[in-house]
């Protein structure tokens, strides 16, 4: 870090030398700053007619000297001074105010956003001597409207404020509030943020899905923020004023995580995390985290780690706050060794090893697929949007116990079961990973081998959650992915699941509109029309010549 940060343009060499000498002053542990340092800062500030300040660590050493203009100064990047839940930055800012004013809103915002130990302003009297001392510190009490407490003003010679004791008591309370919650296993608290140029309705629909994803990841969503802009800010996504407001809201509500609905590049993550001390992730990383939690098989773990590394690679720029937030807890877990210290070279080497390992797994899968085809059993694959009820349908049809929960992406690894129909027709029925709108490209690539299993299907069962108000958009998302995989030639049966959640009139309208079969996947009695339809289609495919089957599939 530079010895002097800020506006030194136009200063004389002697003035710059005086600023550099501020690094040699030592402050007693309990003092805001030493009397000698106070006097020298004020003298220099009057001499250069600019606000002058110092960042002091808990050992009383000056780590940075700051120079602003007549009305304010800018705090440099202090991201190397890391904080964790229940901890402050370990630095306090002491600076001059030339106009005799108390702590400004910008001062208090910097205190809260950067989680400084404290912030202090020294005002000057007429002749330019130290006059008053204004102090503020973060307020650890939850549920308060303001995130800080202002002390004073005190006479400028009241410098012994038991600083270290005060800071330690604040951190003790913060530790009980934040650290205790994590130790008790309570969920992480998050704010969801959407910065959009689209319609507000589209943004809210997307945020609803993001909230479902967060819930599936075990995150407690505290609030949701939408900012509509004509153009997304290339640096912060949202405006800097909105970011400041958002950060203070997060601090007041004990939020430890910001989740952006838009995918963010490395520069944006770094810019935001330079401004605030809260972990920041985006939609893609949240989905990657869910996949990391769900991966069970070796193939699933390989696919997830590969996707994570490909996502992280362009963001492995430097050891900064952004990357430290990308690699711990929510948004950073995984079956592999994705950690901050992995550099680009090691990441590429790991990606190469993972891709080779996946090729071996894919070869093994093709051999299994070949053995199944030799047996000549028809294959039915269940597809659909995530959390539509695919695994539940498989369980009810086959009386099996595949894991099924009301969470997104519970199924990552395909599950295959044999099913014998009443007409003594035997088939293999397979459950697949759920689809989702704007599935991250890295995940699409990583799970392509799994999805390519669908190529051998004779029939696709498209399970649709008609109880979800966004089900029509979900249908389009699924069908778009089928087109991308060139699977539109395979006959599809639309299964309108959760029929019990809507009124009969709406259900019949959807049946006609989407040519679907209504079911309740948990109630086997409702599945008989679907079973009959499947039997008829399988019998047709078994008895007709291949060219007729292909023609009928296209007609369907």
Protein backbone atom coordinates (compact mmCIF):
# COMPACT_ATOMS: atom_id res chain seq x y z
CA UNK A 1 0.00 0.00 0.00
CA UNK A 2 1.33 3.51 -0.84
CA UNK A 3 2.59 5.69 2.01
CA UNK A 4 0.37 8.55 0.81
CA UNK A 5 -3.01 8.07 -0.83
CA UNK A 6 -5.12 10.72 -2.50
CA UNK A 7 -4.73 14.24 -3.83
CA UNK A 8 -1.07 15.28 -3.63
CA UNK A 9 -1.06 17.17 -6.94
CA UNK A 10 0.47 20.62 -6.57
CA UNK A 11 2.07 19.99 -3.18
CA UNK A 12 5.62 21.09 -2.48
CA UNK A 13 8.27 18.47 -1.85
CA UNK A 14 8.57 19.70 1.75
CA UNK A 15 4.83 19.19 2.27
CA UNK A 16 5.02 15.67 0.86
CA UNK A 17 7.99 14.96 3.15
CA UNK A 18 5.89 16.11 6.12
CA UNK A 19 3.07 13.78 5.08
CA UNK A 20 5.44 10.83 4.75
CA UNK A 21 6.86 11.50 8.21
CA UNK A 22 3.39 10.87 9.71
CA UNK A 23 4.20 7.16 9.37
CA UNK A 24 6.74 7.51 12.14
CA UNK A 25 4.21 8.49 14.81
CA UNK A 26 3.10 5.86 17.33
CA UNK A 27 -0.26 6.11 19.14
CA UNK A 28 -0.83 4.65 22.64
CA UNK A 29 -3.26 1.69 22.57
CA UNK A 30 -6.17 3.41 24.33
CA UNK A 31 -5.87 6.71 22.45
CA UNK A 32 -7.71 7.76 19.30
CA UNK A 33 -4.36 9.17 18.20
CA UNK A 34 -1.35 10.61 19.99
CA UNK A 35 -1.24 14.35 20.83
CA UNK A 36 1.86 14.73 18.64
CA UNK A 37 0.16 13.07 15.66
CA UNK A 38 -2.95 15.18 16.18
CA UNK A 39 -0.96 18.40 16.17
CA UNK A 40 1.07 17.44 13.10
CA UNK A 41 -2.00 16.38 11.08
CA UNK A 42 -3.71 19.68 11.88
CA UNK A 43 -0.59 21.70 11.03
CA UNK A 44 -0.18 19.97 7.66
CA UNK A 45 -3.90 20.26 6.88
CA UNK A 46 -3.86 24.03 7.48
CA UNK A 47 -0.67 24.35 5.44
CA UNK A 48 -1.99 22.49 2.37
CA UNK A 49 -5.64 23.56 2.85
CA UNK A 50 -6.83 20.01 2.32
CA UNK A 51 -8.37 17.43 4.58
CA UNK A 52 -5.65 15.16 5.92
CA UNK A 53 -6.07 11.83 7.64
CA UNK A 54 -4.40 8.64 8.80
CA UNK A 55 -5.44 5.01 9.04
CA UNK A 56 -4.18 3.59 12.33
CA UNK A 57 -4.09 -0.12 13.19
CA UNK A 58 -4.73 -1.58 16.63
CA UNK A 59 -1.03 -1.52 17.47
CA UNK A 60 -1.14 2.27 17.10
CA UNK A 61 0.87 2.37 13.88
CA UNK A 62 0.00 4.60 10.93
CA UNK A 63 -0.48 2.32 7.93
CA UNK A 64 -1.72 4.91 5.40
CA UNK A 65 -1.72 8.69 5.09
CA UNK A 66 -4.68 10.20 3.21
CA UNK A 67 -4.95 13.56 1.48
CA UNK A 68 -8.24 14.91 0.14
CA UNK A 69 -9.52 18.33 -0.87
CA UNK A 70 -10.99 21.10 1.25
CA UNK A 71 -14.28 19.25 1.81
CA UNK A 72 -13.49 15.55 1.88
CA UNK A 73 -11.13 12.66 1.21
CA UNK A 74 -11.31 9.22 -0.36
CA UNK A 75 -10.39 6.05 1.51
CA UNK A 76 -8.14 3.83 -0.66
CA UNK A 77 -8.58 0.10 -1.22
CA UNK A 78 -8.03 -1.58 2.15
CA UNK A 79 -9.23 -5.01 1.08
CA UNK A 80 -6.02 -6.66 2.27
CA UNK A 81 -7.28 -6.06 5.78
CA UNK A 82 -9.82 -8.88 5.87
CA UNK A 83 -12.80 -9.14 8.17
CA UNK A 84 -14.96 -12.11 9.09
CA UNK A 85 -18.37 -12.43 10.70
CA UNK A 86 -18.32 -10.66 14.04
CA UNK A 87 -15.05 -8.82 13.31
CA UNK A 88 -14.19 -5.25 12.36
CA UNK A 89 -11.53 -4.08 9.92
CA UNK A 90 -8.80 -3.49 12.50
CA UNK A 91 -8.26 0.08 11.27
CA UNK A 92 -9.57 3.45 12.43
CA UNK A 93 -9.65 6.61 10.35
CA UNK A 94 -8.76 9.95 11.96
CA UNK A 95 -8.90 13.05 9.75
CA UNK A 96 -9.32 16.81 9.81
CA UNK A 97 -12.41 18.88 9.02
CA UNK A 98 -11.42 22.37 7.90
CA UNK A 99 -14.89 23.91 8.01
CA UNK A 100 -15.61 23.09 11.66
CA UNK A 101 -18.30 20.55 10.75
CA UNK A 102 -19.10 17.31 12.59
CA UNK A 103 -18.86 13.85 11.01
CA UNK A 104 -20.45 13.91 7.56
CA UNK A 105 -22.90 11.36 6.09
CA UNK A 106 -20.04 10.14 3.87
CA UNK A 107 -17.88 9.59 6.97
CA UNK A 108 -20.61 7.52 8.62
CA UNK A 109 -21.27 5.55 5.45
CA UNK A 110 -17.57 4.69 5.09
CA UNK A 111 -17.54 3.59 8.73
CA UNK A 112 -20.48 1.24 8.20
CA UNK A 113 -19.64 -0.13 4.75
CA UNK A 114 -15.96 -0.73 5.44
CA UNK A 115 -16.59 -1.88 9.03
CA UNK A 116 -13.84 0.35 10.38
CA UNK A 117 -13.02 0.12 14.08
CA UNK A 118 -14.05 3.78 14.37
CA UNK A 119 -13.91 7.07 12.54
CA UNK A 120 -12.89 10.42 14.04
CA UNK A 121 -12.82 14.00 12.81
CA UNK A 122 -10.75 16.80 14.34
CA UNK A 123 -12.13 20.31 13.83
CA UNK A 124 -9.93 23.40 13.97
CA UNK A 125 -10.37 26.76 15.70
CA UNK A 126 -9.78 30.15 14.07
CA UNK A 127 -5.97 30.07 14.22
CA UNK A 128 -5.93 26.49 12.91
CA UNK A 129 -5.33 24.70 16.19
CA UNK A 130 -7.13 21.43 17.20
CA UNK A 131 -10.54 22.34 18.63
CA UNK A 132 -13.02 19.41 18.90
CA UNK A 133 -12.93 15.65 18.45
CA UNK A 134 -15.94 13.88 16.88
CA UNK A 135 -16.04 10.05 17.08
CA UNK A 136 -18.37 7.35 15.75
CA UNK A 137 -18.35 3.55 15.87
CA UNK A 138 -20.51 0.77 14.46
CA UNK A 139 -23.56 -0.04 16.54
CA UNK A 140 -23.80 -3.82 17.02
CA UNK A 141 -27.39 -3.87 18.31
CA UNK A 142 -29.72 -5.61 15.80
CA UNK A 143 -32.86 -4.06 14.39
CA UNK A 144 -31.79 -0.42 14.81
CA UNK A 145 -32.45 2.23 12.19
CA UNK A 146 -28.87 3.53 12.15
CA UNK A 147 -25.75 1.41 11.97
CA UNK A 148 -23.53 3.68 14.06
CA UNK A 149 -23.28 5.61 17.30
CA UNK A 150 -21.81 9.13 17.48
CA UNK A 151 -19.80 10.13 20.55
CA UNK A 152 -18.90 13.68 21.54
CA UNK A 153 -17.94 16.21 20.52
CA UNK A 154 -15.05 16.16 22.98
CA UNK A 155 -12.34 18.76 23.52
CA UNK A 156 -9.47 18.01 21.15
CA UNK A 157 -7.19 17.01 24.04
CA UNK A 158 -9.55 14.20 25.20
CA UNK A 159 -7.73 11.58 23.15
CA UNK A 160 -7.72 8.71 25.65
CA UNK A 161 -11.06 7.05 24.84
CA UNK A 162 -10.18 3.46 25.85
CA UNK A 163 -10.23 2.67 22.13
CA UNK A 164 -9.07 -0.92 22.27
CA UNK A 165 -11.50 -1.80 25.05
CA UNK A 166 -14.37 -0.18 23.13
CA UNK A 167 -13.49 -2.02 19.91
CA UNK A 168 -13.22 -5.36 21.69
CA UNK A 169 -16.61 -4.90 23.36
CA UNK A 170 -18.19 -4.08 19.98
CA UNK A 171 -16.63 -7.19 18.44
CA UNK A 172 -17.85 -9.34 21.33
CA UNK A 173 -21.41 -8.23 20.64
CA UNK A 174 -20.96 -8.68 16.90
CA UNK A 175 -19.54 -12.15 17.52
CA UNK A 176 -22.59 -13.13 19.56
CA UNK A 177 -24.89 -11.76 16.89
CA UNK A 178 -23.15 -13.18 13.79
CA UNK A 179 -20.67 -15.81 14.86
CA UNK A 180 -23.15 -17.37 17.28
CA UNK A 181 -25.73 -17.73 14.57
CA UNK A 182 -23.36 -19.54 12.29
CA UNK A 183 -22.20 -21.79 15.13
CA UNK A 184 -25.79 -22.68 15.88
CA UNK A 185 -26.18 -23.82 12.29
CA UNK A 186 -28.71 -21.16 11.38
CA UNK A 187 -28.97 -20.20 7.70
CA UNK A 188 -27.00 -17.39 6.14
CA UNK A 189 -29.04 -14.22 5.57
CA UNK A 190 -29.13 -12.76 2.08
CA UNK A 191 -30.44 -9.85 0.07
CA UNK A 192 -31.48 -10.61 -3.51
CA UNK A 193 -30.62 -7.92 -6.04
CA UNK A 194 -31.81 -7.51 -9.61
CA UNK A 195 -30.54 -4.77 -11.92
CA UNK A 196 -32.58 -4.90 -15.09
CA UNK A 197 -33.35 -3.09 -18.30
CA UNK A 198 -36.34 -5.37 -18.92
CA UNK A 199 -39.86 -5.00 -17.56
CA UNK A 200 -40.40 -5.00 -13.81
CA UNK A 201 -42.64 -8.09 -14.10
CA UNK A 202 -39.89 -10.06 -15.84
CA UNK A 203 -37.43 -8.98 -13.15
CA UNK A 204 -39.80 -10.01 -10.35
CA UNK A 205 -40.47 -13.39 -12.00
CA UNK A 206 -36.75 -14.00 -12.21
CA UNK A 207 -36.28 -12.90 -8.57
CA UNK A 208 -39.02 -15.33 -7.50
CA UNK A 209 -37.00 -18.13 -9.05
CA UNK A 210 -33.79 -16.80 -7.49
CA UNK A 211 -35.50 -16.90 -4.10
CA UNK A 212 -36.46 -20.55 -4.70
CA UNK A 213 -32.83 -21.28 -5.59
CA UNK A 214 -31.64 -19.53 -2.42
CA UNK A 215 -34.12 -21.47 -0.31
CA UNK A 216 -32.93 -24.71 -1.94
CA UNK A 217 -29.42 -23.74 -0.89
CA UNK A 218 -30.47 -23.24 2.73
CA UNK A 219 -30.30 -19.43 2.62
CA UNK A 220 -32.69 -17.16 4.50
CA UNK A 221 -33.78 -14.36 2.14
CA UNK A 222 -34.28 -11.15 4.13
CA UNK A 223 -35.35 -8.83 1.29
CA UNK A 224 -35.37 -8.34 -2.46
CA UNK A 225 -34.25 -5.22 -4.32
CA UNK A 226 -34.99 -4.37 -7.95
CA UNK A 227 -33.39 -1.43 -9.73
CA UNK A 228 -34.64 -0.65 -13.22
CA UNK A 229 -32.10 1.23 -15.32
CA UNK A 230 -31.94 2.37 -18.92
CA UNK A 231 -28.42 0.98 -18.98
CA UNK A 232 -26.68 -1.34 -16.52
CA UNK A 233 -23.68 0.27 -14.84
CA UNK A 234 -20.64 -1.53 -16.30
CA UNK A 235 -18.73 -1.18 -13.03
CA UNK A 236 -21.25 -1.79 -10.23
CA UNK A 237 -24.33 -3.05 -12.20
CA UNK A 238 -26.49 -0.77 -10.03
CA UNK A 239 -25.82 2.89 -9.26
CA UNK A 240 -23.23 3.73 -6.61
CA UNK A 241 -25.89 5.51 -4.52
CA UNK A 242 -28.11 2.44 -4.62
CA UNK A 243 -25.14 0.25 -3.71
CA UNK A 244 -24.49 2.43 -0.67
CA UNK A 245 -28.17 2.25 0.37
CA UNK A 246 -28.19 -1.49 -0.20
CA UNK A 247 -25.06 -1.98 1.89
CA UNK A 248 -26.46 -0.04 4.84
CA UNK A 249 -29.68 -2.07 4.65
CA UNK A 250 -27.61 -5.25 4.70
CA UNK A 251 -25.69 -4.07 7.75
CA UNK A 252 -28.85 -3.07 9.64
CA UNK A 253 -30.53 -6.45 8.94
CA UNK A 254 -27.49 -8.62 9.76
CA UNK A 255 -27.18 -9.69 6.13
CA UNK A 256 -23.97 -11.54 5.27
CA UNK A 257 -24.60 -12.27 1.59
CA UNK A 258 -25.69 -10.33 -1.51
CA UNK A 259 -26.98 -12.44 -4.41
CA UNK A 260 -27.24 -10.71 -7.79
CA UNK A 261 -29.69 -12.13 -10.30
CA UNK A 262 -27.39 -11.17 -13.16
CA UNK A 263 -24.13 -12.92 -13.97
CA UNK A 264 -21.21 -10.71 -12.95
CA UNK A 265 -17.73 -10.49 -14.39
CA UNK A 266 -14.55 -10.36 -12.33
CA UNK A 267 -14.26 -6.58 -12.58
CA UNK A 268 -17.80 -6.01 -11.30
CA UNK A 269 -17.36 -8.37 -8.36
CA UNK A 270 -14.08 -6.70 -7.47
CA UNK A 271 -15.56 -3.18 -7.73
CA UNK A 272 -18.50 -4.04 -5.47
CA UNK A 273 -16.46 -5.92 -2.89
CA UNK A 274 -13.95 -3.05 -2.74
CA UNK A 275 -16.85 -0.87 -1.58
CA UNK A 276 -18.53 -3.19 0.91
CA UNK A 277 -17.53 -5.94 3.31
CA UNK A 278 -20.27 -8.42 2.49
CA UNK A 279 -19.88 -11.60 0.48
CA UNK A 280 -21.18 -11.14 -3.08
CA UNK A 281 -22.20 -13.91 -5.47
CA UNK A 282 -24.34 -14.08 -8.58
CA UNK A 283 -27.08 -16.38 -9.88
CA UNK A 284 -24.60 -18.64 -11.65
CA UNK A 285 -22.55 -19.19 -8.54
CA UNK A 286 -25.65 -19.94 -6.49
CA UNK A 287 -26.67 -22.64 -8.97
CA UNK A 288 -23.14 -24.04 -8.93
CA UNK A 289 -23.32 -24.20 -5.15
CA UNK A 290 -26.60 -26.12 -5.25
CA UNK A 291 -25.10 -28.56 -7.73
CA UNK A 292 -22.08 -28.97 -5.46
CA UNK A 293 -24.38 -29.87 -2.56
CA UNK A 294 -26.37 -32.36 -4.62
CA UNK A 295 -23.57 -34.17 -6.49
CA UNK A 296 -23.29 -37.76 -5.29
CA UNK A 297 -21.82 -39.89 -8.06
CA UNK A 298 -18.25 -39.57 -9.28
CA UNK A 299 -19.51 -38.25 -12.60
CA UNK A 300 -21.69 -35.64 -10.92
CA UNK A 301 -18.81 -34.44 -8.75
CA UNK A 302 -16.49 -34.24 -11.74
CA UNK A 303 -19.07 -32.27 -13.71
CA UNK A 304 -19.69 -29.81 -10.91
CA UNK A 305 -16.02 -29.20 -10.19
CA UNK A 306 -15.32 -28.71 -13.89
CA UNK A 307 -18.13 -26.16 -14.15
CA UNK A 308 -16.92 -24.36 -11.01
CA UNK A 309 -13.35 -24.11 -12.26
CA UNK A 310 -14.42 -22.84 -15.69
CA UNK A 311 -16.53 -20.22 -13.96
CA UNK A 312 -13.72 -19.24 -11.59
CA UNK A 313 -10.87 -19.22 -14.12
CA UNK A 314 -11.51 -15.75 -15.61
CA UNK A 315 -12.08 -14.47 -12.07
CA UNK A 316 -8.73 -15.74 -10.77
CA UNK A 317 -7.09 -12.40 -11.36
CA UNK A 318 -5.51 -11.62 -8.03
CA UNK A 319 -5.85 -12.38 -4.35
CA UNK A 320 -8.59 -9.89 -3.67
CA UNK A 321 -11.72 -9.64 -1.58
CA UNK A 322 -13.89 -10.73 -4.46
CA UNK A 323 -12.14 -14.05 -4.78
CA UNK A 324 -12.11 -14.68 -1.05
CA UNK A 325 -15.86 -14.31 -1.09
CA UNK A 326 -16.16 -16.61 -4.07
CA UNK A 327 -14.44 -19.45 -2.28
CA UNK A 328 -16.00 -19.94 1.10
CA UNK A 329 -19.39 -21.08 2.33
CA UNK A 330 -22.41 -20.33 0.14
CA UNK A 331 -21.24 -20.04 -3.43
CA UNK A 332 -17.83 -21.54 -2.72
CA UNK A 333 -18.33 -25.11 -1.61
CA UNK A 334 -17.58 -28.00 -3.89
CA UNK A 335 -16.41 -31.57 -4.12
CA UNK A 336 -13.05 -30.52 -5.52
CA UNK A 337 -10.20 -28.28 -4.45
CA UNK A 338 -11.45 -24.92 -5.73
CA UNK A 339 -9.75 -22.43 -3.36
CA UNK A 340 -8.50 -18.89 -3.55
CA UNK A 341 -4.85 -19.87 -3.90
CA UNK A 342 -5.43 -21.82 -7.12
CA UNK A 343 -3.86 -19.70 -9.81
CA UNK A 344 -4.66 -19.76 -13.50
CA UNK A 345 -2.02 -22.33 -14.37
CA UNK A 346 -3.11 -24.80 -11.69
CA UNK A 347 -6.76 -24.23 -12.57
CA UNK A 348 -6.13 -25.05 -16.24
CA UNK A 349 -4.17 -28.16 -15.26
CA UNK A 350 -7.04 -29.28 -13.06
CA UNK A 351 -9.56 -28.58 -15.83
CA UNK A 352 -7.54 -30.77 -18.22
CA UNK A 353 -7.45 -33.62 -15.69
CA UNK A 354 -11.19 -33.32 -15.04
CA UNK A 355 -12.01 -33.36 -18.75
CA UNK A 356 -9.93 -36.52 -19.23
CA UNK A 357 -11.62 -38.17 -16.24
CA UNK A 358 -15.04 -37.22 -17.60
CA UNK A 359 -14.19 -38.77 -20.97
CA UNK A 360 -13.51 -42.07 -19.20
CA UNK A 361 -16.81 -41.83 -17.35
CA UNK A 362 -18.66 -41.00 -20.58
CA UNK A 363 -17.05 -44.03 -22.28
CA UNK A 364 -18.25 -46.23 -19.42
CA UNK A 365 -21.73 -44.71 -19.73
CA UNK A 366 -21.80 -45.46 -23.49
CA UNK A 367 -20.91 -49.08 -22.76
CA UNK A 368 -23.79 -49.31 -20.30
CA UNK A 369 -26.08 -47.69 -22.85
CA UNK A 370 -24.97 -50.20 -25.49
CA UNK A 371 -25.77 -53.12 -23.15
CA UNK A 372 -29.24 -51.70 -22.51
CA UNK A 373 -29.90 -51.31 -26.22
CA UNK A 374 -28.89 -54.93 -26.82
CA UNK A 375 -31.62 -55.98 -24.41
CA UNK A 376 -34.05 -54.14 -26.67
CA UNK A 377 -36.06 -52.52 -23.88
CA UNK A 378 -37.79 -49.25 -24.80
CA UNK A 379 -36.52 -46.22 -22.85
CA UNK A 380 -38.73 -43.50 -21.40
CA UNK A 381 -36.92 -40.41 -20.09
CA UNK A 382 -38.54 -37.99 -17.68
CA UNK A 383 -37.62 -34.37 -18.32
CA UNK A 384 -38.88 -31.05 -17.04
CA UNK A 385 -38.12 -27.87 -15.22
CA UNK A 386 -36.39 -28.25 -11.89
CA UNK A 387 -38.74 -29.05 -8.99
CA UNK A 388 -41.62 -29.97 -11.34
CA UNK A 389 -42.05 -33.40 -9.72
CA UNK A 390 -40.00 -35.68 -11.97
CA UNK A 391 -38.51 -37.85 -9.22
CA UNK A 392 -41.87 -38.14 -7.49
CA UNK A 393 -43.42 -39.37 -10.74
CA UNK A 394 -40.64 -41.94 -11.16
CA UNK A 395 -41.14 -43.16 -7.59
CA UNK A 396 -44.91 -43.52 -7.98
CA UNK A 397 -44.70 -45.24 -11.36
CA UNK A 398 -42.02 -47.73 -10.29
CA UNK A 399 -42.72 -47.90 -6.54
CA UNK A 400 -39.10 -46.95 -5.85
CA UNK A 401 -37.44 -44.57 -3.42
CA UNK A 402 -35.46 -42.06 -5.49
CA UNK A 403 -34.81 -38.92 -3.41
CA UNK A 404 -37.58 -36.40 -4.05
CA UNK A 405 -37.88 -33.10 -2.19
CA UNK A 406 -39.57 -29.74 -2.71
CA UNK A 407 -36.22 -28.19 -3.58
CA UNK A 408 -34.58 -27.30 -6.85
CA UNK A 409 -32.01 -29.66 -8.40
CA UNK A 410 -32.47 -32.51 -5.92
CA UNK A 411 -31.65 -34.89 -8.78
CA UNK A 412 -28.31 -34.45 -10.53
CA UNK A 413 -27.43 -38.04 -11.33
CA UNK A 414 -29.77 -39.93 -13.69
CA UNK A 415 -31.78 -42.68 -12.00
CA UNK A 416 -33.03 -45.60 -14.10
CA UNK A 417 -35.69 -48.13 -13.09
CA UNK A 418 -37.51 -50.95 -14.82
CA UNK A 419 -41.24 -50.61 -15.24
CA UNK A 420 -43.69 -53.34 -16.28
CA UNK A 421 -47.00 -52.15 -17.70
CA UNK A 422 -50.31 -54.01 -17.17
CA UNK A 423 -50.09 -55.34 -20.76
CA UNK A 424 -46.84 -57.09 -19.80
CA UNK A 425 -44.68 -54.56 -21.63
CA UNK A 426 -41.37 -53.84 -19.90
CA UNK A 427 -39.49 -50.54 -20.26
CA UNK A 428 -36.64 -48.63 -18.68
CA UNK A 429 -37.70 -45.29 -17.25
CA UNK A 430 -35.07 -42.67 -16.41
CA UNK A 431 -35.14 -39.50 -14.31
CA UNK A 432 -32.82 -36.65 -15.38
CA UNK A 433 -31.41 -33.41 -14.01
CA UNK A 434 -33.94 -30.58 -14.00
CA UNK A 435 -33.80 -27.81 -16.56
CA UNK A 436 -33.79 -24.13 -15.65
CA UNK A 437 -34.03 -20.80 -17.44
CA UNK A 438 -30.63 -19.41 -18.43
CA UNK A 439 -28.76 -22.46 -17.15
CA UNK A 440 -25.11 -21.32 -16.85
CA UNK A 441 -23.14 -22.19 -19.97
CA UNK A 442 -20.42 -23.93 -18.00
CA UNK A 443 -23.03 -26.21 -16.45
CA UNK A 444 -24.60 -26.88 -19.83
CA UNK A 445 -21.23 -28.05 -21.12
CA UNK A 446 -20.41 -30.07 -18.01
CA UNK A 447 -23.77 -31.86 -17.95
CA UNK A 448 -24.09 -32.30 -21.69
CA UNK A 449 -22.97 -35.93 -21.43
CA UNK A 450 -25.74 -36.57 -18.92
CA UNK A 451 -28.34 -34.84 -21.05
CA UNK A 452 -27.15 -36.69 -24.14
CA UNK A 453 -28.57 -39.81 -22.47
CA UNK A 454 -31.88 -38.48 -23.74
CA UNK A 455 -30.80 -39.25 -27.32
CA UNK A 456 -31.51 -42.94 -26.76
CA UNK A 457 -35.01 -42.29 -25.38
CA UNK A 458 -38.02 -43.59 -27.28
CA UNK A 459 -40.40 -41.25 -25.45
CA UNK A 460 -39.86 -38.11 -23.39
CA UNK A 461 -42.20 -37.40 -20.49
CA UNK A 462 -42.21 -33.62 -20.03
CA UNK A 463 -43.39 -33.04 -16.45
CA UNK A 464 -44.94 -29.60 -15.97
CA UNK A 465 -45.88 -28.06 -12.63
CA UNK A 466 -49.18 -26.39 -13.57
CA UNK A 467 -49.47 -25.10 -10.00
CA UNK A 468 -46.54 -22.77 -10.69
CA UNK A 469 -47.65 -19.41 -12.03
CA UNK A 470 -44.60 -19.32 -14.32
CA UNK A 471 -45.18 -22.78 -15.83
CA UNK A 472 -45.70 -21.48 -19.39
CA UNK A 473 -42.29 -19.81 -19.36
CA UNK A 474 -40.85 -23.02 -17.91
CA UNK A 475 -42.32 -25.03 -20.80
CA UNK A 476 -40.60 -22.71 -23.26
CA UNK A 477 -37.29 -23.02 -21.40
CA UNK A 478 -37.41 -26.82 -21.48
CA UNK A 479 -38.37 -26.96 -25.15
CA UNK A 480 -35.63 -24.49 -26.03
CA UNK A 481 -33.05 -26.76 -24.39
CA UNK A 482 -34.47 -29.78 -26.27
CA UNK A 483 -33.94 -27.88 -29.52
CA UNK A 484 -30.37 -27.03 -28.52
CA UNK A 485 -29.76 -30.74 -27.90
CA UNK A 486 -31.43 -31.64 -31.24
CA UNK A 487 -33.97 -33.86 -29.49
CA UNK A 488 -37.15 -32.40 -30.98
CA UNK A 489 -37.63 -35.52 -33.15
CA UNK A 490 -38.38 -37.70 -30.08
CA UNK A 491 -42.11 -38.00 -29.21
CA UNK A 492 -43.03 -35.97 -26.14
CA UNK A 493 -45.92 -36.45 -23.72
CA UNK A 494 -46.72 -33.38 -21.68
CA UNK A 495 -47.59 -34.38 -18.12
CA UNK A 496 -49.51 -31.65 -16.28
CA UNK A 497 -48.46 -32.38 -12.72
CA UNK A 498 -49.94 -31.06 -9.45
CA UNK A 499 -53.43 -30.99 -10.91
CA UNK A 500 -54.84 -30.81 -7.39
CA UNK A 501 -53.40 -27.32 -6.94
CA UNK A 502 -55.59 -25.58 -9.52
CA UNK A 503 -59.33 -25.41 -10.17
CA UNK A 504 -60.93 -27.94 -12.58
CA UNK A 505 -61.88 -25.30 -15.14
CA UNK A 506 -58.32 -23.98 -15.45
CA UNK A 507 -56.99 -27.54 -15.57
CA UNK A 508 -59.20 -28.49 -18.52
CA UNK A 509 -58.18 -25.30 -20.33
CA UNK A 510 -54.52 -26.21 -19.89
CA UNK A 511 -55.19 -29.78 -21.06
CA UNK A 512 -56.64 -28.46 -24.30
CA UNK A 513 -54.06 -25.70 -24.70
CA UNK A 514 -51.00 -27.90 -24.18
CA UNK A 515 -52.38 -31.29 -25.25
CA UNK A 516 -51.32 -32.66 -21.88
CA UNK A 517 -52.34 -35.40 -19.47
CA UNK A 518 -53.24 -34.16 -15.98
CA UNK A 519 -51.80 -36.08 -13.02
CA UNK A 520 -50.88 -35.75 -9.39
CA UNK A 521 -47.52 -37.51 -9.26
CA UNK A 522 -48.02 -38.55 -5.64
CA UNK A 523 -51.38 -40.22 -6.36
CA UNK A 524 -50.99 -43.40 -8.39
CA UNK A 525 -54.73 -43.48 -9.18
CA UNK A 526 -54.37 -40.33 -11.30
CA UNK A 527 -51.63 -41.92 -13.42
CA UNK A 528 -53.79 -44.48 -15.26
CA UNK A 529 -54.49 -42.27 -18.33
CA UNK A 530 -50.74 -41.59 -18.59
CA UNK A 531 -49.87 -45.29 -18.27
CA UNK A 532 -52.40 -46.17 -20.98
CA UNK A 533 -50.99 -43.50 -23.28
CA UNK A 534 -47.46 -44.81 -22.72
CA UNK A 535 -48.53 -48.40 -23.38
CA UNK A 536 -50.20 -47.41 -26.65
CA UNK A 537 -47.16 -45.48 -27.85
CA UNK A 538 -44.70 -48.23 -26.86
CA UNK A 539 -46.81 -50.93 -28.57
CA UNK A 540 -46.93 -48.80 -31.70
CA UNK A 541 -43.18 -48.35 -31.72
CA UNK A 542 -42.61 -52.07 -31.15
CA UNK A 543 -44.96 -53.20 -33.92
CA UNK A 544 -44.47 -50.56 -36.64
CA UNK A 545 -41.57 -50.52 -39.10
CA UNK A 546 -38.86 -48.00 -38.20
CA UNK A 547 -39.76 -45.63 -41.07
CA UNK A 548 -43.40 -45.43 -39.86
CA UNK A 549 -42.27 -44.83 -36.30
CA UNK A 550 -40.06 -41.95 -37.47
CA UNK A 551 -42.90 -40.49 -39.56
CA UNK A 552 -45.37 -40.73 -36.65
CA UNK A 553 -42.87 -39.09 -34.32
CA UNK A 554 -42.58 -36.07 -36.63
CA UNK A 555 -46.38 -35.89 -36.98
CA UNK A 556 -46.70 -36.02 -33.18
